Amino acid sequence: MDGQQMTIDDHYTGELKQGSAPQRRTIAGATITKISVGPMDNNSYLVVCSETGKSLLIDAANEADRLALLLEAGAPTLASIVTTHQHPDHWLALADVVKLTGVPTLAHPLDAEKLPVTPDRTVTDGDLVEVGRLTLEVIHLAGHTPGSIALALTDPASGQVHLFTGDSLFPGGVGKTADPEQFASLLRDVTTKLFERFPDDTAVYPGHGKDTTLGAERPFLAEWQERGW
């Protein structure tokens, strides 16, 4: 892109700001690169299979030009794009990135109609997304939107799980919901499908802001229930 190049920081902290260099984390068989884009500090994630070079972009959220530079720098072969949910701040760059790369897109069917690009594949709870030798499990977390999803990637060497949670789980609570019923749905899904299933060292990569772990958030589930958000 006009001679521009992007530098990726291999010192991963999970805490970055819009406009800063993306950060890359290496696990067994894969790398995870996080970039903050747009005025709402949206996180886009690039998961690359180390063995094959195939990669997955999670949320083409904003700043298509910077995402293109990220793909040039860190994605030997982009295989697909997953959109975690229907809110526009998570897909503002989707049409441009698809036009640039021509790769298939994936989303949950309950959110698909709101997206600017019709998904080539819809995915539901328990479906698998394959990226080279990697397999990510789709986890449906209803409440922030009807079709919000998380993706779970397990490190084959350590067994540590890496969860990309969109706007369903953040440091300090679950995502915003419109009414008590949707809050109850989201907290129930996050509790049963994430906290009751995965261990404390599970890394959480949210749709905005810094990372966390399930262990850091687990003690506060009752507090979230009581406050209602």
C-alpha atoms as a PDB file:
ATOM      1  CA  MET A   1       0.000   0.000   0.000  1.00  0.00           C
ATOM      2  CA  ASP A   2       2.035   2.919  -1.353  1.00  0.00           C
ATOM      3  CA  GLY A   3       5.168   1.538   0.253  1.00  0.00           C
ATOM      4  CA  GLN A   4       3.715   1.637   3.757  1.00  0.00           C
ATOM      5  CA  GLN A   5       4.669  -1.113   6.157  1.00  0.00           C
ATOM      6  CA  MET A   6       3.371  -2.090   9.561  1.00  0.00           C
ATOM      7  CA  THR A   7       5.593  -3.183  12.422  1.00  0.00           C
ATOM      8  CA  ILE A   8       4.206  -5.814  14.766  1.00  0.00           C
ATOM      9  CA  ASP A   9       5.324  -5.745  18.400  1.00  0.00           C
ATOM     10  CA  ASP A  10       6.216  -9.222  19.648  1.00  0.00           C
ATOM     11  CA  HIS A  11       6.141  -8.077  23.288  1.00  0.00           C
ATOM     12  CA  TYR A  12       2.545  -8.989  24.037  1.00  0.00           C
ATOM     13  CA  THR A  13       0.746  -7.256  26.908  1.00  0.00           C
ATOM     14  CA  GLY A  14      -2.811  -7.264  25.535  1.00  0.00           C
ATOM     15  CA  GLU A  15      -3.117  -3.578  26.373  1.00  0.00           C
ATOM     16  CA  LEU A  16      -2.858  -1.153  23.481  1.00  0.00           C
ATOM     17  CA  LYS A  17      -4.539   1.934  22.136  1.00  0.00           C
ATOM     18  CA  GLN A  18      -5.923   3.014  18.784  1.00  0.00           C
ATOM     19  CA  GLY A  19      -3.110   3.870  16.401  1.00  0.00           C
ATOM     20  CA  SER A  20      -0.417   1.960  18.290  1.00  0.00           C
ATOM     21  CA  ALA A  21       1.506  -0.961  16.825  1.00  0.00           C
ATOM     22  CA  PRO A  22      -0.329  -4.292  16.904  1.00  0.00           C
ATOM     23  CA  GLN A  23       0.933  -6.883  19.379  1.00  0.00           C
ATOM     24  CA  ARG A  24       1.621 -10.527  18.567  1.00  0.00           C
ATOM     25  CA  ARG A  25       1.511 -13.458  20.964  1.00  0.00           C
ATOM     26  CA  THR A  26       3.017 -16.841  20.082  1.00  0.00           C
ATOM     27  CA  ILE A  27       1.486 -20.099  21.296  1.00  0.00           C
ATOM     28  CA  ALA A  28       2.069 -23.674  20.152  1.00  0.00           C
ATOM     29  CA  GLY A  29       1.233 -23.862  16.464  1.00  0.00           C
ATOM     30  CA  ALA A  30      -0.171 -20.355  16.179  1.00  0.00           C
ATOM     31  CA  THR A  31       0.239 -16.647  16.649  1.00  0.00           C
ATOM     32  CA  ILE A  32      -2.419 -14.225  17.865  1.00  0.00           C
ATOM     33  CA  THR A  33      -2.077 -10.598  16.805  1.00  0.00           C
ATOM     34  CA  LYS A  34      -4.226  -7.863  18.357  1.00  0.00           C
ATOM     35  CA  ILE A  35      -4.797  -4.439  16.835  1.00  0.00           C
ATOM     36  CA  SER A  36      -6.932  -1.545  18.066  1.00  0.00           C
ATOM     37  CA  VAL A  37      -8.838   0.301  15.342  1.00  0.00           C
ATOM     38  CA  GLY A  38     -11.325   3.152  15.203  1.00  0.00           C
ATOM     39  CA  PRO A  39     -12.503   5.728  17.742  1.00  0.00           C
ATOM     40  CA  MET A  40     -14.227   3.130  19.943  1.00  0.00           C
ATOM     41  CA  ASP A  41     -10.991   1.206  20.599  1.00  0.00           C
ATOM     42  CA  ASN A  42     -12.249  -1.860  18.771  1.00  0.00           C
ATOM     43  CA  ASN A  43     -10.026  -4.907  18.789  1.00  0.00           C
ATOM     44  CA  SER A  44      -9.456  -6.947  15.658  1.00  0.00           C
ATOM     45  CA  TYR A  45      -7.573 -10.232  16.004  1.00  0.00           C
ATOM     46  CA  LEU A  46      -5.494 -12.142  13.490  1.00  0.00           C
ATOM     47  CA  VAL A  47      -4.978 -15.841  14.256  1.00  0.00           C
ATOM     48  CA  VAL A  48      -2.306 -17.493  12.120  1.00  0.00           C
ATOM     49  CA  CYS A  49      -1.542 -21.199  11.822  1.00  0.00           C
ATOM     50  CA  SER A  50       2.231 -21.428  12.135  1.00  0.00           C
ATOM     51  CA  GLU A  51       2.455 -24.643  10.129  1.00  0.00           C
ATOM     52  CA  THR A  52       0.453 -23.599   7.070  1.00  0.00           C
ATOM     53  CA  GLY A  53       0.452 -19.805   7.160  1.00  0.00           C
ATOM     54  CA  LYS A  54      -3.338 -19.732   6.850  1.00  0.00           C
ATOM     55  CA  SER A  55      -5.022 -17.127   8.996  1.00  0.00           C
ATOM     56  CA  LEU A  56      -8.345 -15.958  10.385  1.00  0.00           C
ATOM     57  CA  LEU A  57      -9.369 -12.344  10.960  1.00  0.00           C
ATOM     58  CA  ILE A  58     -11.826 -11.850  13.816  1.00  0.00           C
ATOM     59  CA  ASP A  59     -13.880  -8.647  13.397  1.00  0.00           C
ATOM     60  CA  ALA A  60     -12.884  -6.369  10.514  1.00  0.00           C
ATOM     61  CA  ALA A  61     -13.959  -3.572  12.792  1.00  0.00           C
ATOM     62  CA  ASN A  62     -12.610  -0.336  11.321  1.00  0.00           C
ATOM     63  CA  GLU A  63      -9.692   1.303   9.491  1.00  0.00           C
ATOM     64  CA  ALA A  64      -9.557  -1.005   6.497  1.00  0.00           C
ATOM     65  CA  ASP A  65      -6.244   0.541   5.439  1.00  0.00           C
ATOM     66  CA  ARG A  66      -4.559  -0.445   8.712  1.00  0.00           C
ATOM     67  CA  LEU A  67      -6.091  -3.912   8.608  1.00  0.00           C
ATOM     68  CA  ALA A  68      -4.735  -4.320   5.087  1.00  0.00           C
ATOM     69  CA  LEU A  69      -1.274  -3.407   6.340  1.00  0.00           C
ATOM     70  CA  LEU A  70      -1.667  -5.897   9.184  1.00  0.00           C
ATOM     71  CA  LEU A  71      -2.574  -8.632   6.712  1.00  0.00           C
ATOM     72  CA  GLU A  72       0.448  -7.791   4.564  1.00  0.00           C
ATOM     73  CA  ALA A  73       2.739  -7.895   7.594  1.00  0.00           C
ATOM     74  CA  GLY A  74       1.327 -10.830   9.504  1.00  0.00           C
ATOM     75  CA  ALA A  75      -0.986 -13.004   7.422  1.00  0.00           C
ATOM     76  CA  PRO A  76       0.692 -15.150   4.765  1.00  0.00           C
ATOM     77  CA  THR A  77      -2.675 -16.482   3.551  1.00  0.00           C
ATOM     78  CA  LEU A  78      -5.937 -15.055   4.878  1.00  0.00           C
ATOM     79  CA  ALA A  79      -8.501 -17.868   4.837  1.00  0.00           C
ATOM     80  CA  SER A  80     -11.644 -16.287   6.315  1.00  0.00           C
ATOM     81  CA  ILE A  81     -13.163 -13.487   8.392  1.00  0.00           C
ATOM     82  CA  VAL A  82     -15.464 -14.060  11.369  1.00  0.00           C
ATOM     83  CA  THR A  83     -17.750 -11.301  12.650  1.00  0.00           C
ATOM     84  CA  THR A  84     -18.611 -11.782  16.318  1.00  0.00           C
ATOM     85  CA  HIS A  85     -21.885  -9.842  16.213  1.00  0.00           C
ATOM     86  CA  GLN A  86     -24.036  -7.387  14.271  1.00  0.00           C
ATOM     87  CA  HIS A  87     -23.086  -4.022  15.793  1.00  0.00           C
ATOM     88  CA  PRO A  88     -21.557  -1.706  13.154  1.00  0.00           C
ATOM     89  CA  ASP A  89     -18.403  -0.842  15.097  1.00  0.00           C
ATOM     90  CA  HIS A  90     -17.369  -4.484  14.619  1.00  0.00           C
ATOM     91  CA  TRP A  91     -17.823  -4.596  10.831  1.00  0.00           C
ATOM     92  CA  LEU A  92     -17.185  -1.091   9.455  1.00  0.00           C
ATOM     93  CA  ALA A  93     -14.168  -2.347   7.494  1.00  0.00           C
ATOM     94  CA  LEU A  94     -15.674  -5.691   6.512  1.00  0.00           C
ATOM     95  CA  ALA A  95     -16.826  -4.844   2.985  1.00  0.00           C
ATOM     96  CA  ASP A  96     -13.509  -3.195   2.124  1.00  0.00           C
ATOM     97  CA  VAL A  97     -11.404  -6.059   3.489  1.00  0.00           C
ATOM     98  CA  VAL A  98     -13.555  -8.612   1.648  1.00  0.00           C
ATOM     99  CA  LYS A  99     -13.198  -6.608  -1.560  1.00  0.00           C
ATOM    100  CA  LEU A 100      -9.433  -6.541  -1.065  1.00  0.00           C
ATOM    101  CA  THR A 101      -8.983 -10.217  -0.168  1.00  0.00           C
ATOM    102  CA  GLY A 102     -11.981 -12.067  -1.624  1.00  0.00           C
ATOM    103  CA  VAL A 103     -12.076 -14.449   1.353  1.00  0.00           C
ATOM    104  CA  PRO A 104     -15.265 -16.027   2.738  1.00  0.00           C
ATOM    105  CA  THR A 105     -16.987 -14.525   5.770  1.00  0.00           C
ATOM    106  CA  LEU A 106     -18.706 -16.209   8.715  1.00  0.00           C
ATOM    107  CA  ALA A 107     -21.261 -15.098  11.314  1.00  0.00           C
ATOM    108  CA  HIS A 108     -24.155 -16.426  13.369  1.00  0.00           C
ATOM    109  CA  PRO A 109     -27.435 -16.622  11.416  1.00  0.00           C
ATOM    110  CA  LEU A 110     -29.328 -14.494  13.964  1.00  0.00           C
ATOM    111  CA  ASP A 111     -27.032 -11.532  13.267  1.00  0.00           C
ATOM    112  CA  ALA A 112     -26.306 -12.200   9.600  1.00  0.00           C
ATOM    113  CA  GLU A 113     -28.956  -9.924   8.089  1.00  0.00           C
ATOM    114  CA  LYS A 114     -27.515  -6.840   9.798  1.00  0.00           C
ATOM    115  CA  LEU A 115     -24.078  -7.251   8.239  1.00  0.00           C
ATOM    116  CA  PRO A 116     -22.954  -5.351   5.123  1.00  0.00           C
ATOM    117  CA  VAL A 117     -21.673  -8.569   3.542  1.00  0.00           C
ATOM    118  CA  THR A 118     -23.869 -11.664   3.473  1.00  0.00           C
ATOM    119  CA  PRO A 119     -21.916 -14.426   5.250  1.00  0.00           C
ATOM    120  CA  ASP A 120     -20.688 -17.227   3.037  1.00  0.00           C
ATOM    121  CA  ARG A 121     -21.192 -19.525   6.000  1.00  0.00           C
ATOM    122  CA  THR A 122     -23.333 -19.196   9.095  1.00  0.00           C
ATOM    123  CA  VAL A 123     -22.068 -20.806  12.278  1.00  0.00           C
ATOM    124  CA  THR A 124     -23.898 -21.813  15.447  1.00  0.00           C
ATOM    125  CA  ASP A 125     -23.071 -23.182  18.882  1.00  0.00           C
ATOM    126  CA  GLY A 126     -20.542 -26.002  18.692  1.00  0.00           C
ATOM    127  CA  ASP A 127     -19.548 -25.462  15.069  1.00  0.00           C
ATOM    128  CA  LEU A 128     -15.856 -25.548  14.216  1.00  0.00           C
ATOM    129  CA  VAL A 129     -13.845 -23.036  12.215  1.00  0.00           C
ATOM    130  CA  GLU A 130     -10.705 -24.551  10.714  1.00  0.00           C
ATOM    131  CA  VAL A 131      -7.691 -22.418   9.894  1.00  0.00           C
ATOM    132  CA  GLY A 132      -4.886 -24.530   8.535  1.00  0.00           C
ATOM    133  CA  ARG A 133      -4.125 -27.031  11.304  1.00  0.00           C
ATOM    134  CA  LEU A 134      -6.002 -24.947  13.887  1.00  0.00           C
ATOM    135  CA  THR A 135      -9.581 -25.493  15.019  1.00  0.00           C
ATOM    136  CA  LEU A 136     -11.648 -22.845  16.778  1.00  0.00           C
ATOM    137  CA  GLU A 137     -14.961 -23.723  18.404  1.00  0.00           C
ATOM    138  CA  VAL A 138     -17.955 -21.409  18.028  1.00  0.00           C
ATOM    139  CA  ILE A 139     -19.787 -20.586  21.282  1.00  0.00           C
ATOM    140  CA  HIS A 140     -23.150 -18.804  21.017  1.00  0.00           C
ATOM    141  CA  LEU A 141     -23.646 -16.213  23.773  1.00  0.00           C
ATOM    142  CA  ALA A 142     -27.095 -14.653  23.354  1.00  0.00           C
ATOM    143  CA  GLY A 143     -27.859 -11.322  24.987  1.00  0.00           C
ATOM    144  CA  HIS A 144     -25.623  -8.504  23.777  1.00  0.00           C
ATOM    145  CA  THR A 145     -27.139  -9.322  20.393  1.00  0.00           C
ATOM    146  CA  PRO A 146     -29.206 -12.381  19.414  1.00  0.00           C
ATOM    147  CA  GLY A 147     -26.357 -13.917  17.447  1.00  0.00           C
ATOM    148  CA  SER A 148     -23.243 -12.942  19.393  1.00  0.00           C
ATOM    149  CA  ILE A 149     -20.522 -15.582  19.338  1.00  0.00           C
ATOM    150  CA  ALA A 150     -17.196 -16.297  20.963  1.00  0.00           C
ATOM    151  CA  LEU A 151     -14.407 -18.428  19.487  1.00  0.00           C
ATOM    152  CA  ALA A 152     -12.300 -20.841  21.542  1.00  0.00           C
ATOM    153  CA  LEU A 153      -8.796 -21.893  20.493  1.00  0.00           C
ATOM    154  CA  THR A 154      -6.907 -24.439  22.602  1.00  0.00           C
ATOM    155  CA  ASP A 155      -3.109 -24.434  22.741  1.00  0.00           C
ATOM    156  CA  PRO A 156      -2.228 -28.080  21.981  1.00  0.00           C
ATOM    157  CA  ALA A 157       0.973 -27.927  24.012  1.00  0.00           C
ATOM    158  CA  SER A 158      -0.168 -26.283  27.235  1.00  0.00           C
ATOM    159  CA  GLY A 159      -3.909 -26.899  27.012  1.00  0.00           C
ATOM    160  CA  GLN A 160      -4.562 -23.219  27.682  1.00  0.00           C
ATOM    161  CA  VAL A 161      -7.743 -21.928  26.055  1.00  0.00           C
ATOM    162  CA  HIS A 162      -7.840 -18.618  24.209  1.00  0.00           C
ATOM    163  CA  LEU A 163     -11.325 -17.072  24.043  1.00  0.00           C
ATOM    164  CA  PHE A 164     -12.268 -14.312  21.609  1.00  0.00           C
ATOM    165  CA  THR A 165     -15.435 -12.973  23.221  1.00  0.00           C
ATOM    166  CA  GLY A 166     -16.553 -10.029  21.084  1.00  0.00           C
ATOM    167  CA  ASP A 167     -18.729  -7.778  23.268  1.00  0.00           C
ATOM    168  CA  SER A 168     -20.080 -10.586  25.449  1.00  0.00           C
ATOM    169  CA  LEU A 169     -17.373 -10.601  28.139  1.00  0.00           C
ATOM    170  CA  PHE A 170     -14.938  -7.914  29.276  1.00  0.00           C
ATOM    171  CA  PRO A 171     -12.741  -7.211  32.270  1.00  0.00           C
ATOM    172  CA  GLY A 172     -15.321  -6.262  34.896  1.00  0.00           C
ATOM    173  CA  GLY A 173     -18.482  -7.711  33.428  1.00  0.00           C
ATOM    174  CA  VAL A 174     -20.569  -8.936  30.557  1.00  0.00           C
ATOM    175  CA  GLY A 175     -21.460  -6.797  27.556  1.00  0.00           C
ATOM    176  CA  LYS A 176     -24.209  -4.191  27.461  1.00  0.00           C
ATOM    177  CA  THR A 177     -27.748  -5.495  27.151  1.00  0.00           C
ATOM    178  CA  ALA A 178     -31.037  -3.723  26.415  1.00  0.00           C
ATOM    179  CA  ASP A 179     -33.250  -5.180  29.144  1.00  0.00           C
ATOM    180  CA  PRO A 180     -33.247  -7.547  32.137  1.00  0.00           C
ATOM    181  CA  GLU A 181     -34.212 -10.552  30.023  1.00  0.00           C
ATOM    182  CA  GLN A 182     -31.280 -10.109  27.669  1.00  0.00           C
ATOM    183  CA  PHE A 183     -28.940  -9.526  30.597  1.00  0.00           C
ATOM    184  CA  ALA A 184     -30.145 -12.749  32.225  1.00  0.00           C
ATOM    185  CA  SER A 185     -29.614 -14.613  28.952  1.00  0.00           C
ATOM    186  CA  LEU A 186     -26.083 -13.299  28.493  1.00  0.00           C
ATOM    187  CA  LEU A 187     -24.999 -13.877  32.078  1.00  0.00           C
ATOM    188  CA  ARG A 188     -26.449 -17.394  31.975  1.00  0.00           C
ATOM    189  CA  ASP A 189     -24.641 -18.242  28.728  1.00  0.00           C
ATOM    190  CA  VAL A 190     -21.347 -16.721  29.867  1.00  0.00           C
ATOM    191  CA  THR A 191     -21.600 -18.580  33.186  1.00  0.00           C
ATOM    192  CA  THR A 192     -22.540 -22.006  31.821  1.00  0.00           C
ATOM    193  CA  LYS A 193     -20.650 -21.997  28.537  1.00  0.00           C
ATOM    194  CA  LEU A 194     -17.478 -20.229  29.630  1.00  0.00           C
ATOM    195  CA  PHE A 195     -16.922 -20.070  33.412  1.00  0.00           C
ATOM    196  CA  GLU A 196     -18.330 -23.518  34.197  1.00  0.00           C
ATOM    197  CA  ARG A 197     -16.459 -25.123  31.332  1.00  0.00           C
ATOM    198  CA  PHE A 198     -13.020 -23.523  31.094  1.00  0.00           C
ATOM    199  CA  PRO A 199     -10.280 -23.149  33.764  1.00  0.00           C
ATOM    200  CA  ASP A 200      -8.987 -19.993  35.397  1.00  0.00           C
ATOM    201  CA  ASP A 201      -5.982 -19.596  33.085  1.00  0.00           C
ATOM    202  CA  THR A 202      -8.252 -19.203  30.058  1.00  0.00           C
ATOM    203  CA  ALA A 203      -7.229 -16.032  28.236  1.00  0.00           C
ATOM    204  CA  VAL A 204     -10.039 -13.662  27.261  1.00  0.00           C
ATOM    205  CA  TYR A 205      -9.644 -11.380  24.242  1.00  0.00           C
ATOM    206  CA  PRO A 206     -12.574  -8.912  24.221  1.00  0.00           C
ATOM    207  CA  GLY A 207     -13.947  -6.702  21.474  1.00  0.00           C
ATOM    208  CA  HIS A 208     -12.686  -3.519  23.178  1.00  0.00           C
ATOM    209  CA  GLY A 209      -9.915  -2.741  25.606  1.00  0.00           C
ATOM    210  CA  LYS A 210      -7.444  -4.928  27.441  1.00  0.00           C
ATOM    211  CA  ASP A 211      -7.395  -8.692  27.895  1.00  0.00           C
ATOM    212  CA  THR A 212      -8.293 -10.614  31.010  1.00  0.00           C
ATOM    213  CA  THR A 213      -8.623 -14.214  32.200  1.00  0.00           C
ATOM    214  CA  LEU A 214     -11.572 -16.218  33.463  1.00  0.00           C
ATOM    215  CA  GLY A 215      -9.786 -16.574  36.793  1.00  0.00           C
ATOM    216  CA  ALA A 216      -9.554 -12.807  37.215  1.00  0.00           C
ATOM    217  CA  GLU A 217     -13.287 -12.381  36.545  1.00  0.00           C
ATOM    218  CA  ARG A 218     -14.756 -15.487  38.194  1.00  0.00           C
ATOM    219  CA  PRO A 219     -14.934 -14.063  41.765  1.00  0.00           C
ATOM    220  CA  PHE A 220     -17.263 -11.293  40.574  1.00  0.00           C
ATOM    221  CA  LEU A 221     -20.029 -13.332  38.908  1.00  0.00           C
ATOM    222  CA  ALA A 222     -22.354 -12.929  41.900  1.00  0.00           C
ATOM    223  CA  GLU A 223     -21.673  -9.189  41.935  1.00  0.00           C
ATOM    224  CA  TRP A 224     -22.566  -8.925  38.240  1.00  0.00           C
ATOM    225  CA  GLN A 225     -25.781 -10.819  38.913  1.00  0.00           C
ATOM    226  CA  GLU A 226     -26.694  -8.517  41.779  1.00  0.00           C
ATOM    227  CA  ARG A 227     -26.007  -5.250  39.984  1.00  0.00           C
ATOM    228  CA  GLY A 228     -27.811  -6.429  36.830  1.00  0.00           C
ATOM    229  CA  TRP A 229     -25.192  -5.374  34.276  1.00  0.00           C
END
